[in-house]
């Protein structure tokens, strides 16, 4: 079984729009309202007609530690507090109205914080009409002579217009006239009191270049977007006497007929992919007064809804849409051409956005908090769409713009896609309380100016000859004049044209026949009728001759007019080429200016970068020089230390060589002494065994001069000392010389009541070494106290020589140590046995040794072994460096 794939219905491709590479930025204007009180703090200052400056209020600076700085924002034009409504309309809305008459769309919306003057800018007040009433007045002043009769144009409920024939339009007009609920177009000015005298006659303006060969009709609609729902403010809700009406709080109204909540509408897309509100009421208006009346009716309904539903007017977006239907006249120039494809519909949307404010500041709760959240969400969606459009245009990306996230952006997405001009009036309140909200508004306005919208293209014009209406009017006037010349003036007392024509014919003879033999009456009647017939043919011929002559005259005028129009079209074509050349040159100049500014900006950045690199280079050079100097000092210090260490190593090497030689000699002598003692003991033992009794005799130590190894000094005394021990001679202390000394005695030293005290003449006594004292002396001594192993305090005099360094300072090189120690004579016996006694009470290996002798030997032994090579005994002179 073979299944056939089910094909999907192909999507209708979008209509091909004429390509236009020319783009215009969104026109953003700024209007500053006056302060409510003169002594109120202001945070906005108008610098020029295109720049304003924001500075943070004093309280905010104190709270933020003065972090906020003065910022400037530029606009296409800035309107100060003294700007009139007429001046604002001339610069902002008048070009949009002219484009509307020339079949181009436009979008104008006001944006700002609550209380910044958005509604006043859009609507105005008595005597000071805003942008909306002035736009309507200009439209009707421009097209009033060329308006079609009512119901000739009729909406098709699909965002289009269709043209009705004369009979259907007449029936609709009669039906309207029979309905008492629909007021007729007023013949005199009957304003609502709040709209009375909004525009003075002196301020009335008119657009130029209106097509006289077209018929126009104006349709208005008024909608409100609240909580992301669309409501029709002009919808006529039928009255239901049974079903009770409820307000926003859930309670029935007192009067069932007072208020009926409107039903929300949905957005749809027409065949040209333009968005519109489905089922929205479109009212055809024929005068400024009637348009004001319709607008005020919607305003009243909006106020009633706000009152009954307990909401504020600033919580919703209001959109007033003006549609202008335009169709060419037929070839005769009398009626509208019955062709829907030739109908052009352009619209101008005037939007009063809800006020942007922070919920934390308004302290809203409950339903008010939800309202504020929805408003902020819709405004945030608008900002997001602007940001994505700006990123796509500046970075060349193709991100999807989230138009569908909000009804406001979804409704007007076609304008940002190139269906018309977009202009925004940013209204600001200069009081300090709105500083943070105004700062956000300024940032959004600054970003909006960078978005470019494709310039709308001119729509094609039908191929009929121009001047049809004028020629038709001229023909009617000429025909009326000719008839007046023949029959006299056509006033109210003169006979009609038909009566004049009948009276110009020959009079009819009596038509009564006297008898059957009457042969006079009928021939006379026939003769009169023949005369009348001849006269009629003569009049028809004359009429045809006149008509042909008039037709030839009109054709000649048409040819002349056509040649003139061709000439004008040719000149317009040349002018258009010149305009294109001028525009291209302007675009090239703008591009070069932008490029120049960008290059200047890059040059500034490169200059700043160069300065930073130069500063880094100088700092690195200084650091390199300092490091080189330090390296040179370290190298010199290293060389000096190497030379010094070489001398120390040489001294230590000589010292250890001598010490090793002395120890070897001492060990040899000690071993010889032990061997002699053992020999003597063996001899005594042998004598006792062999003889049984021997006399006590003192053994004599043989001379062993031949076995001795020559040495510089004895390491230990003979076992039987023959005289007092020989003390090694000490070198004389350098302190006895004539050099100047720095006597450094710390404050922590303890004063000892000893007879011998270190006293150095010609010295400078200090508690801490300093450069001044060291520079005056060439010797240095440090008095240091510490506790010895037996618990007594011993004093060490650490001596050294002072040297000058290359850097101009002083350094000390220690060369010698002298030790002073105090002992207690009541302490334990200072003699000890060198070895154990034998069974007879005599020493076996040695005898009692004098303490002085043992200490002398011990000090000499300790001087080179335990203290190390750096501490030499003062009994040996220190070897100086060559």
Foldseek 3Di string as FASTA:
>chain_A
DDDDDDDDDDDDDFDDDDDFPDWAFAAEEEEEADAPDPPFDFQWDDPDQFKIKGDADPVVCVVVVNPDDIDMFGGPTYHYNPDAQLNVLVPFPPVQLLVQLQQAAEEEEEAAAPPLCLCCQAANWAQRGHNVLLSQLQNCVAAQVQADDPPQWDDPLQPAIAGDDPVVRVVVVVVQVVDPVRDDADPDQDADVGHPNNDDPVSRDYHPDRANQKHKWKKKFKWKQFLQFIFGLQDDDDQDPPDFAAFQVGDTDPDRPQAHDTDTWDWDAHSNRAIDTGPTDIDIDNHSNVVNVSVVSSVVNVVSNCVRRVHDPLLMKMKMKMKMKMFGCDQLSPHGDRDRVRIRIYMYIYMYQHRQDDCVVVVDDDPVVSSNVSSVQQVVLVLQLLVVLLCCVPVVDDDDRPQVVGPVSVNCVVQQAARHHHYYYYRYYRGNVCSVSVVVVSVSSSSSSSHIHRHHDRDDHDDHDGPSNVLSVVVVVVVQVVLCVQQNDDDDPGDDSVVSVVVVQDDADDQDAPDPPDPPNVVSRVVSVVSRVVVVVVVVVVVVVVVVVVVVVVVVVSVVVVVVVVVVVVVVVVVVVVVVVVVVVVVVVVVVVVVVVVVVVVVVVVVVVVVVVVVVVVVVVVVVVVVVVVVVQVVVVVVVVVVVVVQLVVQQVVVVVLLVVQVVQQVVVLVVLQVQLVVVVVVVVVCCVVVVDDDDDDDDDDDDPVVHDDHPDHLADHLDDPDDDDFFAFDDDPLVDDFEEEEAEAPPDDDDPDPDDDDRPNYHYDNDDDQVRLVRGFKYWYWDWDADPVRWIKIKIWIWTWDADPVGTIDTDTQAIDMGTDDDPVDDDLKDDPADPDPVRHRSRGGIDDNVRVVSSVCVSCQDPVVHSRYHDRSDDRDDDD
